[in-house]
Structures are given as C-alpha cells and as structure tokens.
Amino acid sequence: MDKFLNRCSVNGLINELSEVENEKKFELATVNPVLVLGPPATRSSGTSLSIIRAILLREWPALPPLYMNVCDVRDVARAHMECMTNPDAAGQRHLVYSQYLTIPEMAEIMRKEFKSQGYDPVSRVIPMAVMWLLSWFSKEHNVRYKTLTQPMPFDNSRLRNVLKIEPTDGGKSIIDMIYGMIEIGLISKTPQYKGPSN
C-alpha cells in the first residue's frame, strides 16, 4: 500500500520516471484553460455554453456579480498545436487565459451586439449584500462569494512568450460564441437576426 501511495504522489512519480531508460521517456507539456468561450464545434452543451445561453435568453432572473477568468477555444487549440511542435513548450504547464470579466460585463457585451437583433440579455444584478447573505446559508454560495467576487488575474506570459499566442479579446470570444450557437441551432434566430457583420 505504501508503495502504491508513493507512486500516486508527485515526488514518487518523478522518482519513478527518473529511473526510466532515456529511449523510453517522452516529453510532456500541458495546456490549462480557464472558462473556454468562442465558437462551438458541436451542439453538445457545456458549462460555458449554458452560462452564455442563460444570460442571453433571460433564463436567470438576475446576474450574480461574479468575476470569470476566460479564454478563447481557438487559443486553446493553437496552444495544443504549439505544445506538440514547439520544443520550448516541453516540461511546462501553459495557462490559456485572456482576461477576467464580471458576469454583468459579459451581459453588457451581449446587449451591445444583440439587442438590436431581437435578444434581450439579463440586466438586473444581484446586490453584493445578497451574495454575502447567501454565503452564510449555503456552502456553494460561500465558496463563490470568497473566490469569485474579486478579480483573480492569472499570469499568461508563457502563452505569449513561449507559445507566441496573443490571447483573443474576451468580448470577441463571447460575440463569436453566440453567433456560432445561433447558426448551429443552439439558440433560435429572431425575426431581427442579421448574423455576423464580418
């Protein structure tokens, strides 16, 4: 049992890998994205799709004033390709991160682009005092209040400097994501829908 637990630990794994013959070793680089936005490739629903849809279609009664760290799915794809082909990427974890946005800021981005096209994103914001009060009665809300009600920017210098990827603006990711969801039928077209301008 002790041997198994040792193998499961990071140090145990490193020690075990150091004993592997050189010709049997392989390089490893990891890609760690935050909340992934951008055009969907399939109709499968995930966390980010659900959040964006709920805001745009008023499935939530009000917006929690939470900060979300976001990145673009196209940057995630590029990061995977770079990690496979760029020798400087080996042995590192690469954080794919564009910026942080509050959920109300995300709704405002949607409103500017899609209000004239017949969509009316949620605009009411839950007061911070209510968020604080909820944190006393729910463990889930307590975690959110402590971790998501203030910005937590991440260091994406390895993404920029090693993988040579300039992160996509979060606003563009949101807009492209919604157009993509509409075009593949995850969100219904309104009579005023014009489609992407570019």
C-alpha atoms as a PDB file:
ATOM      1  CA  MET A   1       0.000   0.000   0.000  1.00  0.00           C
ATOM      2  CA  ASP A   2       2.814   2.413   0.888  1.00  0.00           C
ATOM      3  CA  LYS A   3       4.452   1.726  -2.473  1.00  0.00           C
ATOM      4  CA  PHE A   4       1.173   2.463  -4.283  1.00  0.00           C
ATOM      5  CA  LEU A   5       0.642   5.730  -2.360  1.00  0.00           C
ATOM      6  CA  ASN A   6       4.207   6.781  -3.101  1.00  0.00           C
ATOM      7  CA  ARG A   7       3.630   6.207  -6.826  1.00  0.00           C
ATOM      8  CA  CYS A   8       0.496   8.370  -6.663  1.00  0.00           C
ATOM      9  CA  SER A   9       2.397  11.332  -5.201  1.00  0.00           C
ATOM     10  CA  VAL A  10       4.131  13.841  -7.469  1.00  0.00           C
ATOM     11  CA  ASN A  11       7.554  13.170  -5.929  1.00  0.00           C
ATOM     12  CA  GLY A  12       7.022   9.423  -6.199  1.00  0.00           C
ATOM     13  CA  LEU A  13       6.075   9.752  -9.858  1.00  0.00           C
ATOM     14  CA  ILE A  14       9.106  11.959 -10.581  1.00  0.00           C
ATOM     15  CA  ASN A  15      11.402   9.449  -8.853  1.00  0.00           C
ATOM     16  CA  GLU A  16       9.903   6.594 -10.836  1.00  0.00           C
ATOM     17  CA  LEU A  17      10.185   8.453 -14.144  1.00  0.00           C
ATOM     18  CA  SER A  18      13.826   9.321 -13.430  1.00  0.00           C
ATOM     19  CA  GLU A  19      14.581   5.591 -13.451  1.00  0.00           C
ATOM     20  CA  VAL A  20      13.034   5.043 -16.888  1.00  0.00           C
ATOM     21  CA  GLU A  21      15.556   4.440 -19.646  1.00  0.00           C
ATOM     22  CA  ASN A  22      16.132   7.510 -21.832  1.00  0.00           C
ATOM     23  CA  GLU A  23      14.889   5.842 -25.012  1.00  0.00           C
ATOM     24  CA  LYS A  24      11.547   5.095 -23.312  1.00  0.00           C
ATOM     25  CA  LYS A  25      10.972   8.613 -21.996  1.00  0.00           C
ATOM     26  CA  PHE A  26       8.684  11.110 -23.683  1.00  0.00           C
ATOM     27  CA  GLU A  27       8.164  14.868 -23.457  1.00  0.00           C
ATOM     28  CA  LEU A  28       5.122  16.278 -21.735  1.00  0.00           C
ATOM     29  CA  ALA A  29       3.545  19.730 -21.899  1.00  0.00           C
ATOM     30  CA  THR A  30       0.117  20.551 -20.501  1.00  0.00           C
ATOM     31  CA  VAL A  31      -2.473  23.100 -21.607  1.00  0.00           C
ATOM     32  CA  ASN A  32      -4.599  24.532 -18.793  1.00  0.00           C
ATOM     33  CA  PRO A  33      -7.503  26.709 -19.970  1.00  0.00           C
ATOM     34  CA  VAL A  34      -9.845  28.746 -17.762  1.00  0.00           C
ATOM     35  CA  LEU A  35     -13.534  29.175 -18.762  1.00  0.00           C
ATOM     36  CA  VAL A  36     -13.491  28.450 -22.514  1.00  0.00           C
ATOM     37  CA  LEU A  37     -15.555  30.706 -24.785  1.00  0.00           C
ATOM     38  CA  GLY A  38     -15.731  31.053 -28.553  1.00  0.00           C
ATOM     39  CA  PRO A  39     -17.487  29.351 -31.471  1.00  0.00           C
ATOM     40  CA  PRO A  40     -18.854  25.889 -30.600  1.00  0.00           C
ATOM     41  CA  ALA A  41     -17.824  22.989 -32.830  1.00  0.00           C
ATOM     42  CA  THR A  42     -20.796  20.780 -31.922  1.00  0.00           C
ATOM     43  CA  ARG A  43     -24.281  21.024 -30.427  1.00  0.00           C
ATOM     44  CA  SER A  44     -23.057  19.462 -27.160  1.00  0.00           C
ATOM     45  CA  SER A  45     -23.851  21.717 -24.222  1.00  0.00           C
ATOM     46  CA  GLY A  46     -21.156  22.520 -21.680  1.00  0.00           C
ATOM     47  CA  THR A  47     -20.668  24.934 -18.780  1.00  0.00           C
ATOM     48  CA  SER A  48     -19.669  27.953 -20.858  1.00  0.00           C
ATOM     49  CA  LEU A  49     -22.458  27.414 -23.395  1.00  0.00           C
ATOM     50  CA  SER A  50     -25.003  27.126 -20.574  1.00  0.00           C
ATOM     51  CA  ILE A  51     -23.820  30.364 -18.911  1.00  0.00           C
ATOM     52  CA  ILE A  52     -23.891  32.396 -22.133  1.00  0.00           C
ATOM     53  CA  ARG A  53     -27.274  30.995 -23.179  1.00  0.00           C
ATOM     54  CA  ALA A  54     -28.793  31.669 -19.746  1.00  0.00           C
ATOM     55  CA  ILE A  55     -27.717  35.320 -19.846  1.00  0.00           C
ATOM     56  CA  LEU A  56     -28.752  35.961 -23.450  1.00  0.00           C
ATOM     57  CA  LEU A  57     -32.163  34.251 -23.177  1.00  0.00           C
ATOM     58  CA  ARG A  58     -33.009  35.523 -19.671  1.00  0.00           C
ATOM     59  CA  GLU A  59     -33.026  32.054 -18.155  1.00  0.00           C
ATOM     60  CA  TRP A  60     -31.663  33.645 -14.973  1.00  0.00           C
ATOM     61  CA  PRO A  61     -33.765  36.199 -13.074  1.00  0.00           C
ATOM     62  CA  ALA A  62     -30.667  38.267 -12.223  1.00  0.00           C
ATOM     63  CA  LEU A  63     -26.906  38.277 -12.725  1.00  0.00           C
ATOM     64  CA  PRO A  64     -24.512  37.292  -9.943  1.00  0.00           C
ATOM     65  CA  PRO A  65     -21.719  39.924  -9.717  1.00  0.00           C
ATOM     66  CA  LEU A  66     -19.006  37.302 -10.083  1.00  0.00           C
ATOM     67  CA  TYR A  67     -15.667  37.514 -11.881  1.00  0.00           C
ATOM     68  CA  MET A  68     -14.907  34.896 -14.520  1.00  0.00           C
ATOM     69  CA  ASN A  69     -11.475  34.213 -15.973  1.00  0.00           C
ATOM     70  CA  VAL A  70     -11.994  33.493 -19.664  1.00  0.00           C
ATOM     71  CA  CYS A  71     -10.108  32.292 -22.727  1.00  0.00           C
ATOM     72  CA  ASP A  72     -10.931  31.532 -26.356  1.00  0.00           C
ATOM     73  CA  VAL A  73     -11.362  27.995 -27.694  1.00  0.00           C
ATOM     74  CA  ARG A  74      -9.261  28.907 -30.745  1.00  0.00           C
ATOM     75  CA  ASP A  75      -6.382  29.901 -28.458  1.00  0.00           C
ATOM     76  CA  VAL A  76      -6.739  26.566 -26.657  1.00  0.00           C
ATOM     77  CA  ALA A  77      -6.480  24.730 -29.990  1.00  0.00           C
ATOM     78  CA  ARG A  78      -3.432  26.796 -31.008  1.00  0.00           C
ATOM     79  CA  ALA A  79      -1.809  26.101 -27.620  1.00  0.00           C
ATOM     80  CA  HIS A  80      -2.206  22.343 -28.127  1.00  0.00           C
ATOM     81  CA  MET A  81      -0.621  22.587 -31.573  1.00  0.00           C
ATOM     82  CA  GLU A  82       2.271  24.689 -30.252  1.00  0.00           C
ATOM     83  CA  CYS A  83       2.883  22.268 -27.381  1.00  0.00           C
ATOM     84  CA  MET A  84       3.192  19.438 -29.905  1.00  0.00           C
ATOM     85  CA  THR A  85       5.592  21.285 -32.197  1.00  0.00           C
ATOM     86  CA  ASN A  86       7.488  23.844 -30.109  1.00  0.00           C
ATOM     87  CA  PRO A  87      10.445  22.275 -28.246  1.00  0.00           C
ATOM     88  CA  ASP A  88      10.462  25.155 -25.736  1.00  0.00           C
ATOM     89  CA  ALA A  89       6.995  24.089 -24.531  1.00  0.00           C
ATOM     90  CA  ALA A  90       8.171  20.731 -23.177  1.00  0.00           C
ATOM     91  CA  GLY A  91       8.069  20.144 -19.438  1.00  0.00           C
ATOM     92  CA  GLN A  92       5.826  23.120 -18.696  1.00  0.00           C
ATOM     93  CA  ARG A  93       2.204  23.921 -17.874  1.00  0.00           C
ATOM     94  CA  HIS A  94       0.754  26.578 -20.173  1.00  0.00           C
ATOM     95  CA  LEU A  95      -2.164  28.614 -18.858  1.00  0.00           C
ATOM     96  CA  VAL A  96      -4.573  29.743 -21.563  1.00  0.00           C
ATOM     97  CA  TYR A  97      -6.087  32.944 -20.195  1.00  0.00           C
ATOM     98  CA  SER A  98      -7.287  36.112 -21.921  1.00  0.00           C
ATOM     99  CA  GLN A  99      -8.735  38.289 -19.157  1.00  0.00           C
ATOM    100  CA  TYR A 100     -11.290  38.425 -16.373  1.00  0.00           C
ATOM    101  CA  LEU A 101     -14.799  39.763 -16.858  1.00  0.00           C
ATOM    102  CA  THR A 102     -17.702  40.093 -14.463  1.00  0.00           C
ATOM    103  CA  ILE A 103     -20.911  38.363 -15.474  1.00  0.00           C
ATOM    104  CA  PRO A 104     -22.660  41.773 -15.740  1.00  0.00           C
ATOM    105  CA  GLU A 105     -19.849  42.925 -18.083  1.00  0.00           C
ATOM    106  CA  MET A 106     -20.413  39.821 -20.195  1.00  0.00           C
ATOM    107  CA  ALA A 107     -24.129  40.663 -20.373  1.00  0.00           C
ATOM    108  CA  GLU A 108     -23.330  44.223 -21.475  1.00  0.00           C
ATOM    109  CA  ILE A 109     -21.135  42.909 -24.309  1.00  0.00           C
ATOM    110  CA  MET A 110     -24.073  40.749 -25.427  1.00  0.00           C
ATOM    111  CA  ARG A 111     -26.517  43.643 -25.145  1.00  0.00           C
ATOM    112  CA  LYS A 112     -24.457  45.954 -27.375  1.00  0.00           C
ATOM    113  CA  GLU A 113     -24.212  43.365 -30.141  1.00  0.00           C
ATOM    114  CA  PHE A 114     -27.510  41.527 -29.943  1.00  0.00           C
ATOM    115  CA  LYS A 115     -30.161  43.904 -28.509  1.00  0.00           C
ATOM    116  CA  SER A 116     -30.854  45.284 -31.985  1.00  0.00           C
ATOM    117  CA  GLN A 117     -31.163  41.726 -33.278  1.00  0.00           C
ATOM    118  CA  GLY A 118     -34.087  40.842 -31.025  1.00  0.00           C
ATOM    119  CA  TYR A 119     -32.254  39.438 -27.961  1.00  0.00           C
ATOM    120  CA  ASP A 120     -32.578  40.994 -24.531  1.00  0.00           C
ATOM    121  CA  PRO A 121     -29.901  39.715 -22.114  1.00  0.00           C
ATOM    122  CA  VAL A 122     -30.483  39.803 -18.366  1.00  0.00           C
ATOM    123  CA  SER A 123     -29.696  43.242 -16.949  1.00  0.00           C
ATOM    124  CA  ARG A 124     -30.682  43.018 -13.265  1.00  0.00           C
ATOM    125  CA  VAL A 125     -27.710  42.386 -10.965  1.00  0.00           C
ATOM    126  CA  ILE A 126     -27.900  40.626  -7.613  1.00  0.00           C
ATOM    127  CA  PRO A 127     -26.697  43.098  -4.935  1.00  0.00           C
ATOM    128  CA  MET A 128     -23.409  42.176  -3.290  1.00  0.00           C
ATOM    129  CA  ALA A 129     -25.146  42.298   0.106  1.00  0.00           C
ATOM    130  CA  VAL A 130     -27.445  39.486  -1.048  1.00  0.00           C
ATOM    131  CA  MET A 131     -24.433  37.463  -2.237  1.00  0.00           C
ATOM    132  CA  TRP A 132     -22.840  37.945   1.182  1.00  0.00           C
ATOM    133  CA  LEU A 133     -26.047  36.904   2.958  1.00  0.00           C
ATOM    134  CA  LEU A 134     -26.422  33.780   0.803  1.00  0.00           C
ATOM    135  CA  SER A 135     -22.846  32.809   1.644  1.00  0.00           C
ATOM    136  CA  TRP A 136     -23.919  32.318   5.277  1.00  0.00           C
ATOM    137  CA  PHE A 137     -26.559  29.735   4.393  1.00  0.00           C
ATOM    138  CA  SER A 138     -25.057  27.773   1.520  1.00  0.00           C
ATOM    139  CA  LYS A 139     -21.624  26.192   1.275  1.00  0.00           C
ATOM    140  CA  GLU A 140     -21.735  26.570  -2.530  1.00  0.00           C
ATOM    141  CA  HIS A 141     -22.539  30.282  -2.308  1.00  0.00           C
ATOM    142  CA  ASN A 142     -19.900  30.709   0.399  1.00  0.00           C
ATOM    143  CA  VAL A 143     -17.211  29.348  -1.934  1.00  0.00           C
ATOM    144  CA  ARG A 144     -18.419  31.582  -4.763  1.00  0.00           C
ATOM    145  CA  TYR A 145     -18.530  34.650  -2.524  1.00  0.00           C
ATOM    146  CA  LYS A 146     -14.998  34.071  -1.249  1.00  0.00           C
ATOM    147  CA  THR A 147     -13.409  33.206  -4.599  1.00  0.00           C
ATOM    148  CA  LEU A 148     -15.400  34.885  -7.390  1.00  0.00           C
ATOM    149  CA  THR A 149     -16.461  38.286  -6.036  1.00  0.00           C
ATOM    150  CA  GLN A 150     -12.996  39.736  -6.599  1.00  0.00           C
ATOM    151  CA  PRO A 151     -10.718  39.595  -9.645  1.00  0.00           C
ATOM    152  CA  MET A 152      -8.034  36.911  -9.706  1.00  0.00           C
ATOM    153  CA  PRO A 153      -5.870  37.629 -12.764  1.00  0.00           C
ATOM    154  CA  PHE A 154      -3.530  34.890 -13.945  1.00  0.00           C
ATOM    155  CA  ASP A 155      -0.075  35.060 -15.493  1.00  0.00           C
ATOM    156  CA  ASN A 156      -0.311  34.188 -19.200  1.00  0.00           C
ATOM    157  CA  SER A 157       3.265  35.193 -20.031  1.00  0.00           C
ATOM    158  CA  ARG A 158       4.176  31.625 -21.033  1.00  0.00           C
ATOM    159  CA  LEU A 159       1.256  31.614 -23.501  1.00  0.00           C
ATOM    160  CA  ARG A 160       2.523  34.856 -25.042  1.00  0.00           C
ATOM    161  CA  ASN A 161       6.286  34.368 -24.823  1.00  0.00           C
ATOM    162  CA  VAL A 162       6.787  30.618 -25.290  1.00  0.00           C
ATOM    163  CA  LEU A 163       3.788  29.590 -27.394  1.00  0.00           C
ATOM    164  CA  LYS A 164       3.699  33.002 -29.177  1.00  0.00           C
ATOM    165  CA  ILE A 165      -0.091  33.268 -28.850  1.00  0.00           C
ATOM    166  CA  GLU A 166      -1.684  36.662 -28.311  1.00  0.00           C
ATOM    167  CA  PRO A 167      -4.887  35.971 -26.356  1.00  0.00           C
ATOM    168  CA  THR A 168      -8.167  36.729 -28.088  1.00  0.00           C
ATOM    169  CA  ASP A 169     -10.235  39.528 -26.533  1.00  0.00           C
ATOM    170  CA  GLY A 170     -12.953  38.132 -24.261  1.00  0.00           C
ATOM    171  CA  GLY A 171     -15.629  40.296 -25.866  1.00  0.00           C
ATOM    172  CA  LYS A 172     -14.869  38.851 -29.304  1.00  0.00           C
ATOM    173  CA  SER A 173     -14.995  35.334 -27.848  1.00  0.00           C
ATOM    174  CA  ILE A 174     -18.468  35.966 -26.404  1.00  0.00           C
ATOM    175  CA  ILE A 175     -19.853  37.503 -29.615  1.00  0.00           C
ATOM    176  CA  ASP A 176     -18.393  34.782 -31.856  1.00  0.00           C
ATOM    177  CA  MET A 177     -19.709  32.142 -29.461  1.00  0.00           C
ATOM    178  CA  ILE A 178     -23.268  33.464 -29.618  1.00  0.00           C
ATOM    179  CA  TYR A 179     -23.238  33.763 -33.407  1.00  0.00           C
ATOM    180  CA  GLY A 180     -21.928  30.203 -33.568  1.00  0.00           C
ATOM    181  CA  MET A 181     -24.661  28.954 -31.208  1.00  0.00           C
ATOM    182  CA  ILE A 182     -27.346  30.682 -33.292  1.00  0.00           C
ATOM    183  CA  GLU A 183     -26.005  29.352 -36.583  1.00  0.00           C
ATOM    184  CA  ILE A 184     -25.954  25.709 -35.399  1.00  0.00           C
ATOM    185  CA  GLY A 185     -29.360  25.953 -33.738  1.00  0.00           C
ATOM    186  CA  LEU A 186     -28.463  26.042 -30.047  1.00  0.00           C
ATOM    187  CA  ILE A 187     -30.203  29.439 -29.868  1.00  0.00           C
ATOM    188  CA  SER A 188     -33.213  30.231 -32.060  1.00  0.00           C
ATOM    189  CA  LYS A 189     -32.986  33.012 -34.636  1.00  0.00           C
ATOM    190  CA  THR A 190     -35.206  36.017 -34.032  1.00  0.00           C
ATOM    191  CA  PRO A 191     -37.003  37.842 -36.889  1.00  0.00           C
ATOM    192  CA  GLN A 192     -34.491  40.721 -36.423  1.00  0.00           C
ATOM    193  CA  TYR A 193     -31.424  38.455 -36.600  1.00  0.00           C
ATOM    194  CA  LYS A 194     -28.874  39.759 -39.116  1.00  0.00           C
ATOM    195  CA  GLY A 195     -25.937  37.468 -38.455  1.00  0.00           C
ATOM    196  CA  PRO A 196     -22.280  38.365 -38.014  1.00  0.00           C
ATOM    197  CA  SER A 197     -21.194  41.507 -39.837  1.00  0.00           C
ATOM    198  CA  ASN A 198     -17.783  40.159 -40.923  1.00  0.00           C
END
